[in-house]
């Protein structure tokens, strides 16, 4: 499965963005999907994930209450709605998918086989 992330951009603190992760080549049904981000000079960190069945979601503590991951599997797309953005949310955001992922490993980048190219989010203060 190939993944294409989009929706990033420059936004002021307090603003909102919605990122999209469109899958092609195979259906995203049956894949767990995660969003990760990486700021310059920092390691890639977990942001949110949605389970293979779509019934479970998980969000990092740093984004709980502000970010929401959803999936429209008919469109083969997973979204990350980001509200109340903060300068600390700046970074390149990546979506990742894996059809064999174990839910307990959802926050581990190495648990995902397929990655998109990322989309840049810049939040100004």
PDB file of N, CA and C in Angstrom:
ATOM      1  N   UNK A   1       0.843  -1.171   0.000  1.00  0.00           N
ATOM      2  CA  UNK A   1       0.000   0.000   0.000  1.00  0.00           C
ATOM      3  C   UNK A   1       0.894   1.241   0.000  1.00  0.00           C
ATOM      4  N   UNK A   2       0.536   2.222  -0.848  1.00  0.00           N
ATOM      5  CA  UNK A   2       1.270   3.490  -0.878  1.00  0.00           C
ATOM      6  C   UNK A   2       0.445   4.549  -0.154  1.00  0.00           C
ATOM      7  N   UNK A   3       1.136   5.411   0.578  1.00  0.00           N
ATOM      8  CA  UNK A   3       0.471   6.422   1.380  1.00  0.00           C
ATOM      9  C   UNK A   3       0.907   7.813   0.935  1.00  0.00           C
ATOM     10  N   UNK A   4      -0.052   8.720   0.858  1.00  0.00           N
ATOM     11  CA  UNK A   4       0.216  10.104   0.476  1.00  0.00           C
ATOM     12  C   UNK A   4      -0.392  11.020   1.523  1.00  0.00           C
ATOM     13  N   UNK A   5       0.463  11.719   2.249  1.00  0.00           N
ATOM     14  CA  UNK A   5      -0.007  12.655   3.273  1.00  0.00           C
ATOM     15  C   UNK A   5      -0.068  14.064   2.692  1.00  0.00           C
ATOM     16  N   UNK A   6      -1.071  14.810   3.096  1.00  0.00           N
ATOM     17  CA  UNK A   6      -1.225  16.189   2.631  1.00  0.00           C
ATOM     18  C   UNK A   6      -1.988  16.988   3.675  1.00  0.00           C
ATOM     19  N   UNK A   7      -2.063  18.298   3.456  1.00  0.00           N
ATOM     20  CA  UNK A   7      -2.838  19.151   4.329  1.00  0.00           C
ATOM     21  C   UNK A   7      -2.018  20.029   5.251  1.00  0.00           C
ATOM     22  N   UNK A   8      -0.719  19.863   5.229  1.00  0.00           N
ATOM     23  CA  UNK A   8       0.121  20.691   6.075  1.00  0.00           C
ATOM     24  C   UNK A   8       0.188  22.122   5.572  1.00  0.00           C
ATOM     25  N   UNK A   9       0.799  22.980   6.373  1.00  0.00           N
ATOM     26  CA  UNK A   9       0.937  24.371   5.984  1.00  0.00           C
ATOM     27  C   UNK A   9       1.377  25.221   7.149  1.00  0.00           C
ATOM     28  N   UNK A  10       1.320  26.521   6.943  1.00  0.00           N
ATOM     29  CA  UNK A  10       1.688  27.490   7.974  1.00  0.00           C
ATOM     30  C   UNK A  10       0.415  28.032   8.612  1.00  0.00           C
ATOM     31  N   UNK A  11       0.359  27.983   9.928  1.00  0.00           N
ATOM     32  CA  UNK A  11      -0.832  28.425  10.647  1.00  0.00           C
ATOM     33  C   UNK A  11      -0.394  29.129  11.928  1.00  0.00           C
ATOM     34  N   UNK A  12      -1.191  30.071  12.368  1.00  0.00           N
ATOM     35  CA  UNK A  12      -0.894  30.755  13.621  1.00  0.00           C
ATOM     36  C   UNK A  12      -1.312  29.896  14.804  1.00  0.00           C
ATOM     37  N   UNK A  13      -0.686  30.118  15.918  1.00  0.00           N
ATOM     38  CA  UNK A  13      -1.055  29.408  17.143  1.00  0.00           C
ATOM     39  C   UNK A  13      -2.537  29.612  17.425  1.00  0.00           C
ATOM     40  N   UNK A  14      -3.182  28.511  17.818  1.00  0.00           N
ATOM     41  CA  UNK A  14      -4.612  28.545  18.040  1.00  0.00           C
ATOM     42  C   UNK A  14      -5.429  28.138  16.838  1.00  0.00           C
ATOM     43  N   UNK A  15      -4.794  28.049  15.690  1.00  0.00           N
ATOM     44  CA  UNK A  15      -5.484  27.682  14.464  1.00  0.00           C
ATOM     45  C   UNK A  15      -5.665  26.187  14.315  1.00  0.00           C
ATOM     46  N   UNK A  16      -6.215  25.802  13.157  1.00  0.00           N
ATOM     47  CA  UNK A  16      -6.531  24.396  12.892  1.00  0.00           C
ATOM     48  C   UNK A  16      -6.041  23.982  11.519  1.00  0.00           C
ATOM     49  N   UNK A  17      -5.751  22.707  11.385  1.00  0.00           N
ATOM     50  CA  UNK A  17      -5.437  22.089  10.107  1.00  0.00           C
ATOM     51  C   UNK A  17      -6.026  20.685  10.110  1.00  0.00           C
ATOM     52  N   UNK A  18      -6.334  20.185   8.922  1.00  0.00           N
ATOM     53  CA  UNK A  18      -6.731  18.784   8.807  1.00  0.00           C
ATOM     54  C   UNK A  18      -5.793  18.103   7.820  1.00  0.00           C
ATOM     55  N   UNK A  19      -5.092  17.114   8.329  1.00  0.00           N
ATOM     56  CA  UNK A  19      -4.194  16.325   7.485  1.00  0.00           C
ATOM     57  C   UNK A  19      -4.946  15.129   6.925  1.00  0.00           C
ATOM     58  N   UNK A  20      -4.583  14.758   5.710  1.00  0.00           N
ATOM     59  CA  UNK A  20      -5.172  13.589   5.063  1.00  0.00           C
ATOM     60  C   UNK A  20      -4.076  12.596   4.709  1.00  0.00           C
ATOM     61  N   UNK A  21      -4.384  11.343   4.826  1.00  0.00           N
ATOM     62  CA  UNK A  21      -3.485  10.262   4.420  1.00  0.00           C
ATOM     63  C   UNK A  21      -4.279   9.361   3.489  1.00  0.00           C
ATOM     64  N   UNK A  22      -3.972   9.455   2.201  1.00  0.00           N
ATOM     65  CA  UNK A  22      -4.702   8.687   1.194  1.00  0.00           C
ATOM     66  C   UNK A  22      -3.891   7.462   0.817  1.00  0.00           C
ATOM     67  N   UNK A  23      -4.526   6.317   0.863  1.00  0.00           N
ATOM     68  CA  UNK A  23      -3.869   5.062   0.513  1.00  0.00           C
ATOM     69  C   UNK A  23      -4.202   4.672  -0.918  1.00  0.00           C
ATOM     70  N   UNK A  24      -3.240   4.103  -1.595  1.00  0.00           N
ATOM     71  CA  UNK A  24      -3.462   3.593  -2.948  1.00  0.00           C
ATOM     72  C   UNK A  24      -2.734   2.266  -3.106  1.00  0.00           C
ATOM     73  N   UNK A  25      -3.117   1.552  -4.124  1.00  0.00           N
ATOM     74  CA  UNK A  25      -2.484   0.263  -4.375  1.00  0.00           C
ATOM     75  C   UNK A  25      -3.219  -0.883  -3.717  1.00  0.00           C
ATOM     76  N   UNK A  26      -3.662  -0.658  -2.513  1.00  0.00           N
ATOM     77  CA  UNK A  26      -4.450  -1.643  -1.788  1.00  0.00           C
ATOM     78  C   UNK A  26      -5.440  -0.903  -0.913  1.00  0.00           C
ATOM     79  N   UNK A  27      -6.492  -1.603  -0.541  1.00  0.00           N
ATOM     80  CA  UNK A  27      -7.429  -0.995   0.399  1.00  0.00           C
ATOM     81  C   UNK A  27      -6.774  -0.856   1.758  1.00  0.00           C
ATOM     82  N   UNK A  28      -7.166   0.190   2.453  1.00  0.00           N
ATOM     83  CA  UNK A  28      -6.630   0.415   3.776  1.00  0.00           C
ATOM     84  C   UNK A  28      -7.396  -0.377   4.827  1.00  0.00           C
ATOM     85  N   UNK A  29      -8.480  -1.015   4.407  1.00  0.00           N
ATOM     86  CA  UNK A  29      -9.235  -1.868   5.342  1.00  0.00           C
ATOM     87  C   UNK A  29      -8.306  -2.950   5.864  1.00  0.00           C
ATOM     88  N   UNK A  30      -8.398  -3.185   7.122  1.00  0.00           N
ATOM     89  CA  UNK A  30      -7.564  -4.214   7.705  1.00  0.00           C
ATOM     90  C   UNK A  30      -6.179  -3.735   8.090  1.00  0.00           C
ATOM     91  N   UNK A  31      -5.898  -2.446   7.863  1.00  0.00           N
ATOM     92  CA  UNK A  31      -4.614  -1.874   8.265  1.00  0.00           C
ATOM     93  C   UNK A  31      -4.792  -0.963   9.470  1.00  0.00           C
ATOM     94  N   UNK A  32      -3.925  -1.092  10.422  1.00  0.00           N
ATOM     95  CA  UNK A  32      -3.832  -0.070  11.445  1.00  0.00           C
ATOM     96  C   UNK A  32      -3.059   1.108  10.869  1.00  0.00           C
ATOM     97  N   UNK A  33      -3.465   2.314  11.203  1.00  0.00           N
ATOM     98  CA  UNK A  33      -2.814   3.513  10.653  1.00  0.00           C
ATOM     99  C   UNK A  33      -2.419   4.442  11.793  1.00  0.00           C
ATOM    100  N   UNK A  34      -1.224   4.956  11.701  1.00  0.00           N
ATOM    101  CA  UNK A  34      -0.727   5.877  12.709  1.00  0.00           C
ATOM    102  C   UNK A  34      -0.249   7.178  12.096  1.00  0.00           C
ATOM    103  N   UNK A  35      -0.283   8.214  12.896  1.00  0.00           N
ATOM    104  CA  UNK A  35       0.341   9.499  12.547  1.00  0.00           C
ATOM    105  C   UNK A  35       1.507   9.729  13.492  1.00  0.00           C
ATOM    106  N   UNK A  36       2.617  10.127  12.925  1.00  0.00           N
ATOM    107  CA  UNK A  36       3.808  10.459  13.685  1.00  0.00           C
ATOM    108  C   UNK A  36       4.289  11.835  13.241  1.00  0.00           C
ATOM    109  N   UNK A  37       5.117  12.460  14.043  1.00  0.00           N
ATOM    110  CA  UNK A  37       5.686  13.747  13.638  1.00  0.00           C
ATOM    111  C   UNK A  37       7.146  13.806  14.057  1.00  0.00           C
ATOM    112  N   UNK A  38       7.879  14.633  13.343  1.00  0.00           N
ATOM    113  CA  UNK A  38       9.295  14.793  13.644  1.00  0.00           C
ATOM    114  C   UNK A  38       9.680  16.249  13.487  1.00  0.00           C
ATOM    115  N   UNK A  39      10.152  16.833  14.560  1.00  0.00           N
ATOM    116  CA  UNK A  39      10.645  18.203  14.533  1.00  0.00           C
ATOM    117  C   UNK A  39      12.140  18.182  14.243  1.00  0.00           C
ATOM    118  N   UNK A  40      12.684  19.270  13.708  1.00  0.00           N
ATOM    119  CA  UNK A  40      14.119  19.309  13.400  1.00  0.00           C
ATOM    120  C   UNK A  40      14.961  18.978  14.628  1.00  0.00           C
ATOM    121  N   UNK A  41      15.878  18.042  14.463  1.00  0.00           N
ATOM    122  CA  UNK A  41      16.774  17.680  15.543  1.00  0.00           C
ATOM    123  C   UNK A  41      16.173  16.777  16.600  1.00  0.00           C
ATOM    124  N   UNK A  42      14.947  16.346  16.370  1.00  0.00           N
ATOM    125  CA  UNK A  42      14.287  15.486  17.352  1.00  0.00           C
ATOM    126  C   UNK A  42      13.910  14.150  16.723  1.00  0.00           C
ATOM    127  N   UNK A  43      13.630  13.192  17.574  1.00  0.00           N
ATOM    128  CA  UNK A  43      13.223  11.886  17.095  1.00  0.00           C
ATOM    129  C   UNK A  43      11.755  11.914  16.670  1.00  0.00           C
ATOM    130  N   UNK A  44      11.417  10.958  15.826  1.00  0.00           N
ATOM    131  CA  UNK A  44      10.031  10.817  15.397  1.00  0.00           C
ATOM    132  C   UNK A  44       9.185  10.391  16.586  1.00  0.00           C
ATOM    133  N   UNK A  45       8.042  11.047  16.768  1.00  0.00           N
ATOM    134  CA  UNK A  45       7.205  10.731  17.912  1.00  0.00           C
ATOM    135  C   UNK A  45       5.783  10.413  17.473  1.00  0.00           C
ATOM    136  N   UNK A  46       5.168   9.564  18.256  1.00  0.00           N
ATOM    137  CA  UNK A  46       3.801   9.130  18.016  1.00  0.00           C
ATOM    138  C   UNK A  46       2.834  10.270  18.272  1.00  0.00           C
ATOM    139  N   UNK A  47       1.824  10.367  17.404  1.00  0.00           N
ATOM    140  CA  UNK A  47       0.779  11.369  17.565  1.00  0.00           C
ATOM    141  C   UNK A  47      -0.575  10.698  17.807  1.00  0.00           C
ATOM    142  N   UNK A  48      -0.968   9.803  16.904  1.00  0.00           N
ATOM    143  CA  UNK A  48      -2.281   9.162  17.020  1.00  0.00           C
ATOM    144  C   UNK A  48      -2.312   7.906  16.173  1.00  0.00           C
ATOM    145  N   UNK A  49      -3.247   7.017  16.481  1.00  0.00           N
ATOM    146  CA  UNK A  49      -3.403   5.788  15.705  1.00  0.00           C
ATOM    147  C   UNK A  49      -4.855   5.352  15.724  1.00  0.00           C
ATOM    148  N   UNK A  50      -5.212   4.629  14.679  1.00  0.00           N
ATOM    149  CA  UNK A  50      -6.543   4.033  14.591  1.00  0.00           C
ATOM    150  C   UNK A  50      -6.361   2.566  14.279  1.00  0.00           C
ATOM    151  N   UNK A  51      -7.166   1.728  14.916  1.00  0.00           N
ATOM    152  CA  UNK A  51      -6.955   0.288  14.836  1.00  0.00           C
ATOM    153  C   UNK A  51      -7.364  -0.270  13.481  1.00  0.00           C
ATOM    154  N   UNK A  52      -6.963  -1.500  13.225  1.00  0.00           N
ATOM    155  CA  UNK A  52      -7.270  -2.164  11.957  1.00  0.00           C
ATOM    156  C   UNK A  52      -8.763  -2.239  11.717  1.00  0.00           C
ATOM    157  N   UNK A  53      -9.502  -2.502  12.773  1.00  0.00           N
ATOM    158  CA  UNK A  53     -10.951  -2.602  12.627  1.00  0.00           C
ATOM    159  C   UNK A  53     -11.627  -1.245  12.639  1.00  0.00           C
ATOM    160  N   UNK A  54     -10.854  -0.215  12.993  1.00  0.00           N
ATOM    161  CA  UNK A  54     -11.407   1.134  13.006  1.00  0.00           C
ATOM    162  C   UNK A  54     -12.163   1.486  14.261  1.00  0.00           C
ATOM    163  N   UNK A  55     -12.297   0.541  15.178  1.00  0.00           N
ATOM    164  CA  UNK A  55     -13.084   0.816  16.363  1.00  0.00           C
ATOM    165  C   UNK A  55     -12.295   1.418  17.501  1.00  0.00           C
ATOM    166  N   UNK A  56     -10.990   1.392  17.389  1.00  0.00           N
ATOM    167  CA  UNK A  56     -10.168   1.912  18.461  1.00  0.00           C
ATOM    168  C   UNK A  56      -9.280   3.039  17.992  1.00  0.00           C
ATOM    169  N   UNK A  57      -9.134   4.062  18.816  1.00  0.00           N
ATOM    170  CA  UNK A  57      -8.220   5.157  18.509  1.00  0.00           C
ATOM    171  C   UNK A  57      -7.356   5.434  19.734  1.00  0.00           C
ATOM    172  N   UNK A  58      -6.229   6.053  19.482  1.00  0.00           N
ATOM    173  CA  UNK A  58      -5.295   6.384  20.544  1.00  0.00           C
ATOM    174  C   UNK A  58      -4.603   7.686  20.179  1.00  0.00           C
ATOM    175  N   UNK A  59      -4.410   8.550  21.171  1.00  0.00           N
ATOM    176  CA  UNK A  59      -3.764   9.833  20.946  1.00  0.00           C
ATOM    177  C   UNK A  59      -2.688  10.049  21.999  1.00  0.00           C
ATOM    178  N   UNK A  60      -1.589  10.635  21.591  1.00  0.00           N
ATOM    179  CA  UNK A  60      -0.533  10.964  22.538  1.00  0.00           C
ATOM    180  C   UNK A  60      -1.063  11.970  23.555  1.00  0.00           C
ATOM    181  N   UNK A  61      -0.528  11.906  24.754  1.00  0.00           N
ATOM    182  CA  UNK A  61      -0.986  12.820  25.813  1.00  0.00           C
ATOM    183  C   UNK A  61      -0.849  14.282  25.396  1.00  0.00           C
ATOM    184  N   UNK A  62       0.194  14.574  24.634  1.00  0.00           N
ATOM    185  CA  UNK A  62       0.467  15.958  24.253  1.00  0.00           C
ATOM    186  C   UNK A  62      -0.575  16.542  23.299  1.00  0.00           C
ATOM    187  N   UNK A  63      -1.377  15.676  22.673  1.00  0.00           N
ATOM    188  CA  UNK A  63      -2.370  16.177  21.708  1.00  0.00           C
ATOM    189  C   UNK A  63      -3.803  15.824  22.094  1.00  0.00           C
ATOM    190  N   UNK A  64      -3.977  15.095  23.179  1.00  0.00           N
ATOM    191  CA  UNK A  64      -5.331  14.720  23.596  1.00  0.00           C
ATOM    192  C   UNK A  64      -6.196  15.954  23.818  1.00  0.00           C
ATOM    193  N   UNK A  65      -7.410  15.869  23.306  1.00  0.00           N
ATOM    194  CA  UNK A  65      -8.327  16.988  23.434  1.00  0.00           C
ATOM    195  C   UNK A  65      -8.163  18.040  22.354  1.00  0.00           C
ATOM    196  N   UNK A  66      -7.090  17.942  21.576  1.00  0.00           N
ATOM    197  CA  UNK A  66      -6.846  18.909  20.495  1.00  0.00           C
ATOM    198  C   UNK A  66      -6.845  18.237  19.122  1.00  0.00           C
ATOM    199  N   UNK A  67      -6.311  17.033  19.034  1.00  0.00           N
ATOM    200  CA  UNK A  67      -6.210  16.302  17.773  1.00  0.00           C
ATOM    201  C   UNK A  67      -7.171  15.128  17.794  1.00  0.00           C
ATOM    202  N   UNK A  68      -7.690  14.786  16.610  1.00  0.00           N
ATOM    203  CA  UNK A  68      -8.583  13.632  16.486  1.00  0.00           C
ATOM    204  C   UNK A  68      -8.272  12.877  15.204  1.00  0.00           C
ATOM    205  N   UNK A  69      -8.056  11.570  15.332  1.00  0.00           N
ATOM    206  CA  UNK A  69      -7.834  10.730  14.167  1.00  0.00           C
ATOM    207  C   UNK A  69      -9.139  10.040  13.794  1.00  0.00           C
ATOM    208  N   UNK A  70      -9.446  10.057  12.506  1.00  0.00           N
ATOM    209  CA  UNK A  70     -10.632   9.368  11.994  1.00  0.00           C
ATOM    210  C   UNK A  70     -10.283   8.694  10.677  1.00  0.00           C
ATOM    211  N   UNK A  71     -11.157   7.804  10.254  1.00  0.00           N
ATOM    212  CA  UNK A  71     -10.927   7.108   8.994  1.00  0.00           C
ATOM    213  C   UNK A  71     -12.195   7.078   8.172  1.00  0.00           C
ATOM    214  N   UNK A  72     -12.043   7.273   6.878  1.00  0.00           N
ATOM    215  CA  UNK A  72     -13.130   7.058   5.926  1.00  0.00           C
ATOM    216  C   UNK A  72     -12.625   5.965   4.989  1.00  0.00           C
ATOM    217  N   UNK A  73     -12.934   4.730   5.359  1.00  0.00           N
ATOM    218  CA  UNK A  73     -12.341   3.617   4.622  1.00  0.00           C
ATOM    219  C   UNK A  73     -12.942   3.465   3.240  1.00  0.00           C
ATOM    220  N   UNK A  74     -14.128   4.016   3.022  1.00  0.00           N
ATOM    221  CA  UNK A  74     -14.697   4.011   1.673  1.00  0.00           C
ATOM    222  C   UNK A  74     -13.854   4.882   0.746  1.00  0.00           C
ATOM    223  N   UNK A  75     -13.211   5.916   1.310  1.00  0.00           N
ATOM    224  CA  UNK A  75     -12.336   6.794   0.537  1.00  0.00           C
ATOM    225  C   UNK A  75     -10.869   6.403   0.688  1.00  0.00           C
ATOM    226  N   UNK A  76     -10.629   5.321   1.422  1.00  0.00           N
ATOM    227  CA  UNK A  76      -9.251   4.873   1.640  1.00  0.00           C
ATOM    228  C   UNK A  76      -8.390   5.973   2.243  1.00  0.00           C
ATOM    229  N   UNK A  77      -8.971   6.720   3.172  1.00  0.00           N
ATOM    230  CA  UNK A  77      -8.305   7.893   3.718  1.00  0.00           C
ATOM    231  C   UNK A  77      -8.422   7.923   5.237  1.00  0.00           C
ATOM    232  N   UNK A  78      -7.338   8.328   5.875  1.00  0.00           N
ATOM    233  CA  UNK A  78      -7.326   8.582   7.311  1.00  0.00           C
ATOM    234  C   UNK A  78      -6.999  10.050   7.519  1.00  0.00           C
ATOM    235  N   UNK A  79      -7.702  10.676   8.445  1.00  0.00           N
ATOM    236  CA  UNK A  79      -7.546  12.100   8.696  1.00  0.00           C
ATOM    237  C   UNK A  79      -6.970  12.352  10.085  1.00  0.00           C
ATOM    238  N   UNK A  80      -6.318  13.487  10.225  1.00  0.00           N
ATOM    239  CA  UNK A  80      -5.899  13.969  11.533  1.00  0.00           C
ATOM    240  C   UNK A  80      -6.369  15.413  11.641  1.00  0.00           C
ATOM    241  N   UNK A  81      -7.431  15.618  12.407  1.00  0.00           N
ATOM    242  CA  UNK A  81      -7.929  16.963  12.648  1.00  0.00           C
ATOM    243  C   UNK A  81      -7.147  17.559  13.799  1.00  0.00           C
ATOM    244  N   UNK A  82      -6.527  18.713  13.556  1.00  0.00           N
ATOM    245  CA  UNK A  82      -5.673  19.340  14.562  1.00  0.00           C
ATOM    246  C   UNK A  82      -6.236  20.711  14.898  1.00  0.00           C
ATOM    247  N   UNK A  83      -6.654  20.869  16.120  1.00  0.00           N
ATOM    248  CA  UNK A  83      -7.203  22.147  16.601  1.00  0.00           C
ATOM    249  C   UNK A  83      -6.304  22.717  17.686  1.00  0.00           C
ATOM    250  N   UNK A  84      -6.495  23.995  17.980  1.00  0.00           N
ATOM    251  CA  UNK A  84      -5.725  24.673  19.043  1.00  0.00           C
ATOM    252  C   UNK A  84      -4.233  24.406  18.887  1.00  0.00           C
ATOM    253  N   UNK A  85      -3.742  24.581  17.693  1.00  0.00           N
ATOM    254  CA  UNK A  85      -2.340  24.274  17.416  1.00  0.00           C
ATOM    255  C   UNK A  85      -1.406  25.182  18.204  1.00  0.00           C
ATOM    256  N   UNK A  86      -0.282  24.610  18.582  1.00  0.00           N
ATOM    257  CA  UNK A  86       0.737  25.290  19.367  1.00  0.00           C
ATOM    258  C   UNK A  86       2.057  25.255  18.602  1.00  0.00           C
ATOM    259  N   UNK A  87       2.950  26.208  18.852  1.00  0.00           N
ATOM    260  CA  UNK A  87       4.253  26.170  18.166  1.00  0.00           C
ATOM    261  C   UNK A  87       4.984  24.834  18.353  1.00  0.00           C
ATOM    262  N   UNK A  88       4.751  24.195  19.496  1.00  0.00           N
ATOM    263  CA  UNK A  88       5.399  22.904  19.749  1.00  0.00           C
ATOM    264  C   UNK A  88       4.889  21.794  18.839  1.00  0.00           C
ATOM    265  N   UNK A  89       3.806  22.036  18.116  1.00  0.00           N
ATOM    266  CA  UNK A  89       3.270  21.043  17.178  1.00  0.00           C
ATOM    267  C   UNK A  89       3.978  21.118  15.819  1.00  0.00           C
ATOM    268  N   UNK A  90       4.872  22.050  15.650  1.00  0.00           N
ATOM    269  CA  UNK A  90       5.597  22.192  14.391  1.00  0.00           C
ATOM    270  C   UNK A  90       6.439  20.966  14.098  1.00  0.00           C
ATOM    271  N   UNK A  91       6.398  20.523  12.847  1.00  0.00           N
ATOM    272  CA  UNK A  91       7.194  19.377  12.432  1.00  0.00           C
ATOM    273  C   UNK A  91       6.651  18.780  11.150  1.00  0.00           C
ATOM    274  N   UNK A  92       7.331  17.756  10.673  1.00  0.00           N
ATOM    275  CA  UNK A  92       6.826  17.018   9.510  1.00  0.00           C
ATOM    276  C   UNK A  92       5.989  15.863  10.030  1.00  0.00           C
ATOM    277  N   UNK A  93       4.789  15.767   9.505  1.00  0.00           N
ATOM    278  CA  UNK A  93       3.840  14.747   9.941  1.00  0.00           C
ATOM    279  C   UNK A  93       3.791  13.620   8.918  1.00  0.00           C
ATOM    280  N   UNK A  94       3.925  12.410   9.420  1.00  0.00           N
ATOM    281  CA  UNK A  94       3.931  11.216   8.586  1.00  0.00           C
ATOM    282  C   UNK A  94       2.781  10.302   8.960  1.00  0.00           C
ATOM    283  N   UNK A  95       2.174   9.682   7.944  1.00  0.00           N
ATOM    284  CA  UNK A  95       1.230   8.612   8.232  1.00  0.00           C
ATOM    285  C   UNK A  95       1.894   7.281   7.895  1.00  0.00           C
ATOM    286  N   UNK A  96       1.498   6.274   8.619  1.00  0.00           N
ATOM    287  CA  UNK A  96       2.071   4.950   8.457  1.00  0.00           C
ATOM    288  C   UNK A  96       0.962   3.916   8.595  1.00  0.00           C
ATOM    289  N   UNK A  97       1.147   2.775   7.947  1.00  0.00           N
ATOM    290  CA  UNK A  97       0.126   1.723   7.990  1.00  0.00           C
ATOM    291  C   UNK A  97       0.773   0.355   8.072  1.00  0.00           C
ATOM    292  N   UNK A  98       0.056  -0.557   8.658  1.00  0.00           N
ATOM    293  CA  UNK A  98       0.521  -1.942   8.727  1.00  0.00           C
ATOM    294  C   UNK A  98      -0.692  -2.842   8.944  1.00  0.00           C
ATOM    295  N   UNK A  99      -0.753  -3.940   8.204  1.00  0.00           N
ATOM    296  CA  UNK A  99      -1.907  -4.835   8.318  1.00  0.00           C
ATOM    297  C   UNK A  99      -1.728  -5.877   9.417  1.00  0.00           C
ATOM    298  N   UNK A 100      -0.529  -5.943   9.977  1.00  0.00           N
ATOM    299  CA  UNK A 100      -0.284  -6.950  11.011  1.00  0.00           C
ATOM    300  C   UNK A 100      -0.019  -6.330  12.370  1.00  0.00           C
ATOM    301  N   UNK A 101      -0.197  -5.012  12.475  1.00  0.00           N
ATOM    302  CA  UNK A 101       0.236  -4.338  13.694  1.00  0.00           C
ATOM    303  C   UNK A 101      -0.559  -4.819  14.896  1.00  0.00           C
ATOM    304  N   UNK A 102       0.139  -4.994  15.987  1.00  0.00           N
ATOM    305  CA  UNK A 102      -0.484  -5.324  17.265  1.00  0.00           C
ATOM    306  C   UNK A 102      -0.762  -4.006  17.980  1.00  0.00           C
ATOM    307  N   UNK A 103      -1.962  -3.863  18.506  1.00  0.00           N
ATOM    308  CA  UNK A 103      -2.393  -2.574  19.049  1.00  0.00           C
ATOM    309  C   UNK A 103      -1.446  -2.047  20.121  1.00  0.00           C
ATOM    310  N   UNK A 104      -0.870  -2.930  20.891  1.00  0.00           N
ATOM    311  CA  UNK A 104       0.032  -2.490  21.953  1.00  0.00           C
ATOM    312  C   UNK A 104       1.299  -1.846  21.390  1.00  0.00           C
ATOM    313  N   UNK A 105       1.570  -2.044  20.103  1.00  0.00           N
ATOM    314  CA  UNK A 105       2.756  -1.468  19.459  1.00  0.00           C
ATOM    315  C   UNK A 105       2.437  -0.240  18.630  1.00  0.00           C
ATOM    316  N   UNK A 106       1.263   0.297  18.759  1.00  0.00           N
ATOM    317  CA  UNK A 106       0.789   1.374  17.885  1.00  0.00           C
ATOM    318  C   UNK A 106       1.671   2.628  17.948  1.00  0.00           C
ATOM    319  N   UNK A 107       2.340   2.860  19.028  1.00  0.00           N
ATOM    320  CA  UNK A 107       3.155   4.069  19.169  1.00  0.00           C
ATOM    321  C   UNK A 107       4.606   3.865  18.750  1.00  0.00           C
ATOM    322  N   UNK A 108       4.932   2.717  18.246  1.00  0.00           N
ATOM    323  CA  UNK A 108       6.305   2.359  17.871  1.00  0.00           C
ATOM    324  C   UNK A 108       6.473   2.475  16.362  1.00  0.00           C
ATOM    325  N   UNK A 109       7.318   3.390  15.893  1.00  0.00           N
ATOM    326  CA  UNK A 109       7.480   3.544  14.433  1.00  0.00           C
ATOM    327  C   UNK A 109       7.863   2.249  13.723  1.00  0.00           C
ATOM    328  N   UNK A 110       8.721   1.446  14.332  1.00  0.00           N
ATOM    329  CA  UNK A 110       9.172   0.210  13.680  1.00  0.00           C
ATOM    330  C   UNK A 110       8.072  -0.818  13.498  1.00  0.00           C
ATOM    331  N   UNK A 111       6.916  -0.595  14.123  1.00  0.00           N
ATOM    332  CA  UNK A 111       5.806  -1.540  13.992  1.00  0.00           C
ATOM    333  C   UNK A 111       5.067  -1.380  12.671  1.00  0.00           C
ATOM    334  N   UNK A 112       5.377  -0.308  11.933  1.00  0.00           N
ATOM    335  CA  UNK A 112       4.672  -0.016  10.687  1.00  0.00           C
ATOM    336  C   UNK A 112       5.570  -0.300   9.489  1.00  0.00           C
ATOM    337  N   UNK A 113       5.027  -0.957   8.487  1.00  0.00           N
ATOM    338  CA  UNK A 113       5.797  -1.287   7.283  1.00  0.00           C
ATOM    339  C   UNK A 113       5.712  -0.220   6.194  1.00  0.00           C
ATOM    340  N   UNK A 114       4.610   0.501   6.155  1.00  0.00           N
ATOM    341  CA  UNK A 114       4.375   1.421   5.045  1.00  0.00           C
ATOM    342  C   UNK A 114       4.310   2.856   5.559  1.00  0.00           C
ATOM    343  N   UNK A 115       5.032   3.745   4.878  1.00  0.00           N
ATOM    344  CA  UNK A 115       5.113   5.141   5.300  1.00  0.00           C
ATOM    345  C   UNK A 115       4.855   6.072   4.123  1.00  0.00           C
ATOM    346  N   UNK A 116       4.192   7.195   4.409  1.00  0.00           N
ATOM    347  CA  UNK A 116       4.064   8.253   3.423  1.00  0.00           C
ATOM    348  C   UNK A 116       5.263   9.183   3.503  1.00  0.00           C
ATOM    349  N   UNK A 117       5.285  10.185   2.629  1.00  0.00           N
ATOM    350  CA  UNK A 117       6.445  11.064   2.529  1.00  0.00           C
ATOM    351  C   UNK A 117       6.409  12.201   3.537  1.00  0.00           C
ATOM    352  N   UNK A 118       5.294  12.403   4.185  1.00  0.00           N
ATOM    353  CA  UNK A 118       5.195  13.444   5.186  1.00  0.00           C
ATOM    354  C   UNK A 118       4.680  14.760   4.633  1.00  0.00           C
ATOM    355  N   UNK A 119       4.097  15.538   5.521  1.00  0.00           N
ATOM    356  CA  UNK A 119       3.619  16.875   5.174  1.00  0.00           C
ATOM    357  C   UNK A 119       4.027  17.823   6.294  1.00  0.00           C
ATOM    358  N   UNK A 120       4.506  19.004   5.929  1.00  0.00           N
ATOM    359  CA  UNK A 120       5.100  19.917   6.895  1.00  0.00           C
ATOM    360  C   UNK A 120       4.041  20.810   7.533  1.00  0.00           C
ATOM    361  N   UNK A 121       4.072  20.860   8.844  1.00  0.00           N
ATOM    362  CA  UNK A 121       3.186  21.732   9.622  1.00  0.00           C
ATOM    363  C   UNK A 121       4.057  22.732  10.374  1.00  0.00           C
ATOM    364  N   UNK A 122       3.768  24.006  10.187  1.00  0.00           N
ATOM    365  CA  UNK A 122       4.501  25.053  10.885  1.00  0.00           C
ATOM    366  C   UNK A 122       3.496  25.929  11.621  1.00  0.00           C
ATOM    367  N   UNK A 123       3.677  26.030  12.930  1.00  0.00           N
ATOM    368  CA  UNK A 123       2.779  26.827  13.757  1.00  0.00           C
ATOM    369  C   UNK A 123       3.565  28.023  14.290  1.00  0.00           C
ATOM    370  N   UNK A 124       3.126  29.207  13.928  1.00  0.00           N
ATOM    371  CA  UNK A 124       3.813  30.417  14.370  1.00  0.00           C
ATOM    372  C   UNK A 124       3.178  30.950  15.648  1.00  0.00           C
ATOM    373  N   UNK A 125       4.008  31.566  16.464  1.00  0.00           N
ATOM    374  CA  UNK A 125       3.515  32.094  17.747  1.00  0.00           C
ATOM    375  C   UNK A 125       3.019  33.519  17.607  1.00  0.00           C
TER     376      UNK A 125
END
